[in-house]
Amino acid sequence: MKKVYVWLLCSLFVLASASASAQDITGNWYGRADVGGMKLRMNLTFEKSGETYTGYMVSPDQSSAKIPFNKITFEANRLSLEIAQIGFKYQGVWKEDNTIDGSFTQMGAQFPIKFSREEIVANRPQHPVPPYPYLTEEITFRNEKANVRLAGTITLPKQAGKYPAVVLVTGSGPQNRDEELMGHKPFWVIADYLTRQGIVVLRYDERGVGASEGKYNECGIPDFAEDAAAAIAYLKNRKEVDKQKIGIIGHSEGGSVATLLAAQQIPAFIVSLAGPGENGRDLMQKQRAALFKTSGATDAYINRYNETMTKLEDYILTTDKNAVKKESITAIIAGTVLAGQEQTIIAQMTSESMLTLLRFDPLDYFKKITCPVLALNGDKDLQVIARPNLEGFKQITANGNNQVTIKEYPGLNHLFQHATTGLPAEYSQIEETISPEVLKDMGEWILKQ
């Protein structure tokens, strides 16, 4: 569910000044830092107008999001960068070999990193390579209720006919049509595989991401469900699609979207990839415990942390988000490891996506689902723990729907990669994007519906 980022997304607009300097840093710079055992790429992009630089940072091993700097200074061959809202600062020196050598600090820790003009490309052997044996089309469709236009890619078999189709729905956090994160593009790999099997696939940028309209930060699960329903409506008007065989594949939070729409009898079938099978608060508590435990935290630490988070959730969920007070948050987190993080807590916990996640209980919807369901998870998933969540999906069967298939994969993490620990720190280090077994199981199951 909630993805772990070293740099939180912010919406600060960049405006920075640059004094006269011997060199021009305009363009792209690439580096890699060792951050807590993670080898993370950092890409910097600068533009210049007059004597003023603007720019942003991308950490492609975590997200495709462009994180703008609110301060850029380059003088006497010394570069200073800052993203104040997340406490990020970089100090570096331009060298004669056309590199910038320095370090960044965040949350009291310092990490050396050297930037050059040479792009660092991660090895992703599953990313599709042209020529493709299918058709690819860039499309847009409207969510009329929200008055937003969403942009995506549809892939179709070349031979004329009526084919089953799926809409891909991403997990939490603003993501593009490929669900690009940690240097991987899972939805691109899924779309490529399924279309080769004779399945039409539509994937799209979330609201406010890529070429899609709207504001992601104002949206929650019901809004994302409206977008997915609009995608299904679009597919029903495609001559290549069998209108009776349009389903949803939802990953993580996207699984909640699939559950909600299935309860409304909108898709013909759903595939839940590590989707929630228990209420949001229980899910998040178990997620925190699993992540901390695997990282070496003591049970006492985990219990104290979860007790604090429970108090925060109680307060946030019983208070209008516009009435949440910093003083109340301070009182709850005083003396804990969260002390001093009031603004970050308020921003994250009062976001519409977090509020709807915490309030979402799939059991309220499972009893209304009558379509076929495929629920998959990996036993090394530390974000949506396999056992309790897959157990939840059994409630669909208990309510009389016997078209439910549940499978737990040994050794797979939240992204369905073969993993060692399952920690998010591994995601970018693993070359595999998604297990071929999962792709095969999805394809075969969909074609049987």
Foldseek 3Di string as FASTA:
>chain_A
DDDDDPDDADDDFAKEFEDDAPDDPAAKKWKWWCDVNFTWIKMKHWDDDDRIIWIFIDGQQFARDTHTWHYWYAHHQWIWTHDPVQQKIWIWGQDPVAKTWTWIDGPHDIITMMIHPDYDAAFAPLQDDDDAQWDKDKDWFDLVVVGKIWIWMKTAHPDAAAFFEEEEAEADDFHFQQSRGRNFRNNNSLCRLLRVLGYMYITTGPDPPDPIHHDPQQDALVVSLSVRLRVLVVQCPDNRHDNLRYAYEYAASGLVSRLVVLLVVRHQEYEYQLYFLFALLVLQLQLQVLQCVLVPDDPVLSVVVNVLVVVVLVVLLVDQLVPDDLVVNQVSCPPHPCHPVSVVCSSVCSGRHNNCRNGDGSLVRLLSHQHAYEYEYECLESNRHQPVRLVSNCVNVVSPRPNYHYDYHYQAYSQQARDDRNHSSCQSVGNHRHDPVVSVVVSVVSVVD
